[in-house]
Structures are given as structure tokens and as C-alpha cells.
């Protein structure tokens, strides 16, 4: 990969991480401090069946940077459990995805991402802040097509005790939101 393309990809991922941190910033006051041991993540509560992906954009007055976003909150505490932002790549066939996960995860083991009962992709957790842990990945055309036609994006993590925790995110409206984000 040419250096300029690699730099552009890294800038896009950095922008997505920054966008997620800003959009989830109000949750930071409710999140456990980085020094305190975090409780194991609770199984995700799926949003209502009618909940759909939305488009969020930021801009500098000259250009817009848009992404398709979906979030899952714990039903009782309203704490953010899972947030996903997918930004279209310049080629329109692929994208960049940033996943925000809760604190208290086993950072040694990669997470797995799959659509419905499809093939799992393993991804490492890159960093954690006081609002959660982040995974940035490229969304290849096969995964993008599966997300457009699938019903649920499944994220498997391990808690601090190495117990697997699966979180599901509905894909209702993903294709429309992704297309609008272009």
C-alpha cells in the first residue's frame, strides 16, 4: 500500500475514533475511571425492533465527513454498551469501521465480528480510554454486502475473567444509512 493511501486510511480511522469519542462524550461522566476496575460488561440489550441506523456528519464548513452509526445502551443504566460507526471509503465499495466497547474486557484476546451466522473476523482492541475500548477495522466488500443484507451484527468479546460475552446489533437500515453517508 502506498504511503499516501496508508496515511489517508489512518487519518480516516483517527477521525472516526474522534467522532465516536465526541458523540459518546456525554457518557464519559457515567463511565468508570480508567484507574478503577471496571465491572464485566453485561450482555447487550438490543434496541427496540424499530430502531435503525442513523447518519452523523461533522464538517469544517467546506466538507462533510459522514458515517452510519448505531448504538446499544444498557436498558436500566442507559450506559453505552456498544457503538459502531461505519464510514464509506473513497472507492464506495469498502468502508472503515470503529467499534466502541465497554471497559473491563480481556485485552489480550481479539474480538470477533460476524453477520448473522456467517464467518467470523478477528480484530484486536487497539486502545481504551475513560469512555471505553476501541477497535478500528477496514470493512471489506464481502462484510459490507453481508451487513447490507443481514439482520444482526454480532460482536464477541471476553470479559476480564475470560468469559465470552456476545453483543448483537440490529442491521435494520444499515444499507440506507451507509449510502446516505457517502
C-alpha atoms as a PDB file:
ATOM      1  CA  UNK A   1       0.000   0.000   0.000  1.00  0.00           C
ATOM      2  CA  UNK A   2       1.450   3.426  -0.934  1.00  0.00           C
ATOM      3  CA  UNK A   3       2.386   5.659   1.993  1.00  0.00           C
ATOM      4  CA  UNK A   4      -0.125   8.366   0.995  1.00  0.00           C
ATOM      5  CA  UNK A   5      -3.004   5.878   0.916  1.00  0.00           C
ATOM      6  CA  UNK A   6      -1.911   4.363   4.260  1.00  0.00           C
ATOM      7  CA  UNK A   7      -1.741   7.858   5.793  1.00  0.00           C
ATOM      8  CA  UNK A   8      -5.195   8.700   4.428  1.00  0.00           C
ATOM      9  CA  UNK A   9      -6.579   5.473   5.922  1.00  0.00           C
ATOM     10  CA  UNK A  10      -5.024   6.229   9.301  1.00  0.00           C
ATOM     11  CA  UNK A  11      -6.452   9.766   9.210  1.00  0.00           C
ATOM     12  CA  UNK A  12      -9.897   8.375   8.421  1.00  0.00           C
ATOM     13  CA  UNK A  13      -9.700   5.925  11.328  1.00  0.00           C
ATOM     14  CA  UNK A  14      -8.470   8.692  13.645  1.00  0.00           C
ATOM     15  CA  UNK A  15     -11.379  10.887  12.577  1.00  0.00           C
ATOM     16  CA  UNK A  16     -13.847   8.072  13.249  1.00  0.00           C
ATOM     17  CA  UNK A  17     -12.385   7.442  16.707  1.00  0.00           C
ATOM     18  CA  UNK A  18     -12.530  11.162  17.474  1.00  0.00           C
ATOM     19  CA  UNK A  19     -16.102  11.340  16.203  1.00  0.00           C
ATOM     20  CA  UNK A  20     -17.155   8.434  18.370  1.00  0.00           C
ATOM     21  CA  UNK A  21     -15.440   9.914  21.397  1.00  0.00           C
ATOM     22  CA  UNK A  22     -17.253  13.217  20.846  1.00  0.00           C
ATOM     23  CA  UNK A  23     -20.642  11.623  20.178  1.00  0.00           C
ATOM     24  CA  UNK A  24     -20.289   9.380  23.226  1.00  0.00           C
ATOM     25  CA  UNK A  25     -18.670  12.079  25.365  1.00  0.00           C
ATOM     26  CA  UNK A  26     -21.773  12.631  27.481  1.00  0.00           C
ATOM     27  CA  UNK A  27     -21.414   9.013  28.582  1.00  0.00           C
ATOM     28  CA  UNK A  28     -17.918   9.699  29.933  1.00  0.00           C
ATOM     29  CA  UNK A  29     -19.275  11.068  33.216  1.00  0.00           C
ATOM     30  CA  UNK A  30     -21.067   7.780  33.778  1.00  0.00           C
ATOM     31  CA  UNK A  31     -18.196   5.526  32.718  1.00  0.00           C
ATOM     32  CA  UNK A  32     -15.791   4.059  35.235  1.00  0.00           C
ATOM     33  CA  UNK A  33     -12.491   5.960  35.569  1.00  0.00           C
ATOM     34  CA  UNK A  34      -9.552   4.349  33.783  1.00  0.00           C
ATOM     35  CA  UNK A  35      -7.853   3.554  37.119  1.00  0.00           C
ATOM     36  CA  UNK A  36     -10.862   1.881  38.742  1.00  0.00           C
ATOM     37  CA  UNK A  37     -11.564  -1.759  37.945  1.00  0.00           C
ATOM     38  CA  UNK A  38     -14.492  -1.887  35.582  1.00  0.00           C
ATOM     39  CA  UNK A  39     -17.309  -4.378  36.025  1.00  0.00           C
ATOM     40  CA  UNK A  40     -17.659  -7.093  33.430  1.00  0.00           C
ATOM     41  CA  UNK A  41     -19.838  -5.961  30.524  1.00  0.00           C
ATOM     42  CA  UNK A  42     -23.433  -7.021  30.793  1.00  0.00           C
ATOM     43  CA  UNK A  43     -24.999  -8.760  27.823  1.00  0.00           C
ATOM     44  CA  UNK A  44     -26.199  -6.092  25.434  1.00  0.00           C
ATOM     45  CA  UNK A  45     -29.833  -5.156  25.432  1.00  0.00           C
ATOM     46  CA  UNK A  46     -30.975  -4.819  21.851  1.00  0.00           C
ATOM     47  CA  UNK A  47     -32.690  -1.553  20.968  1.00  0.00           C
ATOM     48  CA  UNK A  48     -36.374  -1.718  20.043  1.00  0.00           C
ATOM     49  CA  UNK A  49     -37.035  -3.639  16.841  1.00  0.00           C
ATOM     50  CA  UNK A  50     -37.915  -0.381  15.035  1.00  0.00           C
ATOM     51  CA  UNK A  51     -34.539   1.210  15.843  1.00  0.00           C
ATOM     52  CA  UNK A  52     -32.489   1.833  12.735  1.00  0.00           C
ATOM     53  CA  UNK A  53     -29.029   3.069  11.857  1.00  0.00           C
ATOM     54  CA  UNK A  54     -28.640   6.826  11.570  1.00  0.00           C
ATOM     55  CA  UNK A  55     -26.235   9.146   9.766  1.00  0.00           C
ATOM     56  CA  UNK A  56     -23.977  11.534  11.691  1.00  0.00           C
ATOM     57  CA  UNK A  57     -21.881  14.170   9.963  1.00  0.00           C
ATOM     58  CA  UNK A  58     -19.193  16.578  11.068  1.00  0.00           C
ATOM     59  CA  UNK A  59     -17.698  19.277   8.941  1.00  0.00           C
ATOM     60  CA  UNK A  60     -15.426  22.250   8.746  1.00  0.00           C
ATOM     61  CA  UNK A  61     -17.747  24.393   6.627  1.00  0.00           C
ATOM     62  CA  UNK A  62     -16.176  23.174   3.386  1.00  0.00           C
ATOM     63  CA  UNK A  63     -16.555  19.394   3.522  1.00  0.00           C
ATOM     64  CA  UNK A  64     -18.690  16.913   5.418  1.00  0.00           C
ATOM     65  CA  UNK A  65     -17.429  13.682   6.980  1.00  0.00           C
ATOM     66  CA  UNK A  66     -20.428  11.369   7.415  1.00  0.00           C
ATOM     67  CA  UNK A  67     -20.813   7.895   8.870  1.00  0.00           C
ATOM     68  CA  UNK A  68     -23.551   5.362   9.587  1.00  0.00           C
ATOM     69  CA  UNK A  69     -23.955   4.952  13.356  1.00  0.00           C
ATOM     70  CA  UNK A  70     -25.751   2.531  15.676  1.00  0.00           C
ATOM     71  CA  UNK A  71     -25.570   2.333  19.467  1.00  0.00           C
ATOM     72  CA  UNK A  72     -26.808  -0.040  22.162  1.00  0.00           C
ATOM     73  CA  UNK A  73     -27.442   1.196  25.698  1.00  0.00           C
ATOM     74  CA  UNK A  74     -27.999  -0.821  28.866  1.00  0.00           C
ATOM     75  CA  UNK A  75     -31.735  -0.715  29.484  1.00  0.00           C
ATOM     76  CA  UNK A  76     -31.589   0.171  33.199  1.00  0.00           C
ATOM     77  CA  UNK A  77     -28.493   2.385  33.500  1.00  0.00           C
ATOM     78  CA  UNK A  78     -28.638   3.917  29.976  1.00  0.00           C
ATOM     79  CA  UNK A  79     -24.869   3.397  29.867  1.00  0.00           C
ATOM     80  CA  UNK A  80     -23.418   2.933  26.396  1.00  0.00           C
ATOM     81  CA  UNK A  81     -22.624  -0.750  25.856  1.00  0.00           C
ATOM     82  CA  UNK A  82     -21.738  -0.802  22.163  1.00  0.00           C
ATOM     83  CA  UNK A  83     -21.346   1.817  19.454  1.00  0.00           C
ATOM     84  CA  UNK A  84     -20.452   1.246  15.821  1.00  0.00           C
ATOM     85  CA  UNK A  85     -19.643   3.839  13.182  1.00  0.00           C
ATOM     86  CA  UNK A  86     -19.019   2.880   9.551  1.00  0.00           C
ATOM     87  CA  UNK A  87     -17.579   5.448   7.183  1.00  0.00           C
ATOM     88  CA  UNK A  88     -17.585   4.811   3.422  1.00  0.00           C
ATOM     89  CA  UNK A  89     -14.185   4.659   1.750  1.00  0.00           C
ATOM     90  CA  UNK A  90     -13.438   6.764  -1.315  1.00  0.00           C
ATOM     91  CA  UNK A  91     -13.917   3.725  -3.583  1.00  0.00           C
ATOM     92  CA  UNK A  92     -17.526   3.271  -2.370  1.00  0.00           C
ATOM     93  CA  UNK A  93     -17.074  -0.492  -2.135  1.00  0.00           C
ATOM     94  CA  UNK A  94     -15.386  -0.684   1.258  1.00  0.00           C
ATOM     95  CA  UNK A  95     -15.515   1.227   4.488  1.00  0.00           C
ATOM     96  CA  UNK A  96     -13.800   1.915   7.792  1.00  0.00           C
ATOM     97  CA  UNK A  97     -15.480   0.767  11.000  1.00  0.00           C
ATOM     98  CA  UNK A  98     -14.838   1.865  14.559  1.00  0.00           C
ATOM     99  CA  UNK A  99     -16.346  -0.178  17.376  1.00  0.00           C
ATOM    100  CA  UNK A 100     -16.607   1.291  20.868  1.00  0.00           C
ATOM    101  CA  UNK A 101     -16.861  -1.359  23.583  1.00  0.00           C
ATOM    102  CA  UNK A 102     -17.222  -1.089  27.368  1.00  0.00           C
ATOM    103  CA  UNK A 103     -14.295  -1.160  29.788  1.00  0.00           C
ATOM    104  CA  UNK A 104     -13.466  -4.350  31.696  1.00  0.00           C
ATOM    105  CA  UNK A 105     -12.544  -6.527  28.712  1.00  0.00           C
ATOM    106  CA  UNK A 106      -9.753  -9.042  28.251  1.00  0.00           C
ATOM    107  CA  UNK A 107      -7.421  -7.008  26.042  1.00  0.00           C
ATOM    108  CA  UNK A 108      -5.189  -9.940  25.105  1.00  0.00           C
ATOM    109  CA  UNK A 109      -7.817 -11.835  23.113  1.00  0.00           C
ATOM    110  CA  UNK A 110      -9.171 -10.327  19.887  1.00  0.00           C
ATOM    111  CA  UNK A 111     -12.860  -9.693  19.439  1.00  0.00           C
ATOM    112  CA  UNK A 112     -14.837 -11.464  16.724  1.00  0.00           C
ATOM    113  CA  UNK A 113     -17.229  -9.751  14.348  1.00  0.00           C
ATOM    114  CA  UNK A 114     -19.757 -11.563  12.181  1.00  0.00           C
ATOM    115  CA  UNK A 115     -23.070 -11.011  10.455  1.00  0.00           C
ATOM    116  CA  UNK A 116     -25.811 -13.444  11.477  1.00  0.00           C
ATOM    117  CA  UNK A 117     -24.197 -16.914  11.350  1.00  0.00           C
ATOM    118  CA  UNK A 118     -21.535 -16.001   8.801  1.00  0.00           C
ATOM    119  CA  UNK A 119     -17.771 -16.287   9.014  1.00  0.00           C
ATOM    120  CA  UNK A 120     -16.153 -14.512  11.971  1.00  0.00           C
ATOM    121  CA  UNK A 121     -13.439 -11.901  11.575  1.00  0.00           C
ATOM    122  CA  UNK A 122     -10.989 -11.465  14.439  1.00  0.00           C
ATOM    123  CA  UNK A 123      -9.829  -7.968  15.341  1.00  0.00           C
ATOM    124  CA  UNK A 124      -7.556  -6.695  18.100  1.00  0.00           C
ATOM    125  CA  UNK A 125      -8.639  -3.981  20.524  1.00  0.00           C
ATOM    126  CA  UNK A 126      -6.379  -1.022  19.704  1.00  0.00           C
ATOM    127  CA  UNK A 127      -6.870   1.263  22.702  1.00  0.00           C
ATOM    128  CA  UNK A 128      -9.015   2.052  25.721  1.00  0.00           C
ATOM    129  CA  UNK A 129      -9.916   5.456  27.177  1.00  0.00           C
ATOM    130  CA  UNK A 130     -12.189   6.515  30.019  1.00  0.00           C
ATOM    131  CA  UNK A 131     -15.230   6.099  27.732  1.00  0.00           C
ATOM    132  CA  UNK A 132     -14.443   2.570  26.502  1.00  0.00           C
ATOM    133  CA  UNK A 133     -12.249   0.380  24.336  1.00  0.00           C
ATOM    134  CA  UNK A 134     -11.920   0.884  20.579  1.00  0.00           C
ATOM    135  CA  UNK A 135     -11.452  -1.394  17.579  1.00  0.00           C
ATOM    136  CA  UNK A 136     -10.799   0.119  14.147  1.00  0.00           C
ATOM    137  CA  UNK A 137     -11.017  -2.054  11.072  1.00  0.00           C
ATOM    138  CA  UNK A 138     -11.464  -1.979   7.329  1.00  0.00           C
ATOM    139  CA  UNK A 139     -14.812  -3.287   6.132  1.00  0.00           C
ATOM    140  CA  UNK A 140     -14.129  -5.352   3.019  1.00  0.00           C
ATOM    141  CA  UNK A 141     -16.766  -5.572   0.288  1.00  0.00           C
ATOM    142  CA  UNK A 142     -17.848  -9.074   1.434  1.00  0.00           C
ATOM    143  CA  UNK A 143     -18.532  -7.915   5.006  1.00  0.00           C
ATOM    144  CA  UNK A 144     -20.216  -4.755   3.725  1.00  0.00           C
ATOM    145  CA  UNK A 145     -22.518  -6.816   1.498  1.00  0.00           C
ATOM    146  CA  UNK A 146     -23.335  -9.125   4.431  1.00  0.00           C
ATOM    147  CA  UNK A 147     -24.131  -6.108   6.622  1.00  0.00           C
ATOM    148  CA  UNK A 148     -26.459  -4.733   3.935  1.00  0.00           C
ATOM    149  CA  UNK A 149     -28.414  -7.999   3.646  1.00  0.00           C
ATOM    150  CA  UNK A 150     -28.055  -9.408   7.182  1.00  0.00           C
ATOM    151  CA  UNK A 151     -30.242  -8.890  10.225  1.00  0.00           C
ATOM    152  CA  UNK A 152     -27.709  -8.752  13.087  1.00  0.00           C
ATOM    153  CA  UNK A 153     -24.062  -7.827  13.573  1.00  0.00           C
ATOM    154  CA  UNK A 154     -22.634 -10.000  16.332  1.00  0.00           C
ATOM    155  CA  UNK A 155     -19.641  -8.868  18.388  1.00  0.00           C
ATOM    156  CA  UNK A 156     -18.000 -11.437  20.686  1.00  0.00           C
ATOM    157  CA  UNK A 157     -15.646 -10.228  23.426  1.00  0.00           C
ATOM    158  CA  UNK A 158     -14.170 -11.725  26.558  1.00  0.00           C
ATOM    159  CA  UNK A 159     -14.641 -10.083  29.930  1.00  0.00           C
ATOM    160  CA  UNK A 160     -11.739  -9.654  32.351  1.00  0.00           C
ATOM    161  CA  UNK A 161     -12.348 -13.213  33.625  1.00  0.00           C
ATOM    162  CA  UNK A 162     -12.056 -14.593  30.055  1.00  0.00           C
ATOM    163  CA  UNK A 163     -15.797 -15.346  29.932  1.00  0.00           C
ATOM    164  CA  UNK A 164     -17.207 -14.842  26.400  1.00  0.00           C
ATOM    165  CA  UNK A 165     -19.847 -12.143  26.015  1.00  0.00           C
ATOM    166  CA  UNK A 166     -21.814 -11.789  22.761  1.00  0.00           C
ATOM    167  CA  UNK A 167     -23.430  -8.489  21.848  1.00  0.00           C
ATOM    168  CA  UNK A 168     -25.842  -8.157  18.970  1.00  0.00           C
ATOM    169  CA  UNK A 169     -26.559  -5.062  16.950  1.00  0.00           C
ATOM    170  CA  UNK A 170     -29.512  -4.943  14.543  1.00  0.00           C
ATOM    171  CA  UNK A 171     -28.633  -4.095  10.952  1.00  0.00           C
ATOM    172  CA  UNK A 172     -32.055  -2.605  10.164  1.00  0.00           C
ATOM    173  CA  UNK A 173     -31.453   0.417   7.944  1.00  0.00           C
ATOM    174  CA  UNK A 174     -27.684  -0.043   7.694  1.00  0.00           C
ATOM    175  CA  UNK A 175     -27.569  -0.037   3.877  1.00  0.00           C
ATOM    176  CA  UNK A 176     -29.659   3.139   3.610  1.00  0.00           C
ATOM    177  CA  UNK A 177     -27.608   4.954   6.286  1.00  0.00           C
ATOM    178  CA  UNK A 178     -24.319   3.850   4.687  1.00  0.00           C
ATOM    179  CA  UNK A 179     -25.469   5.057   1.262  1.00  0.00           C
ATOM    180  CA  UNK A 180     -26.541   8.432   2.710  1.00  0.00           C
ATOM    181  CA  UNK A 181     -23.172   8.760   4.455  1.00  0.00           C
ATOM    182  CA  UNK A 182     -21.470   8.793   1.032  1.00  0.00           C
END
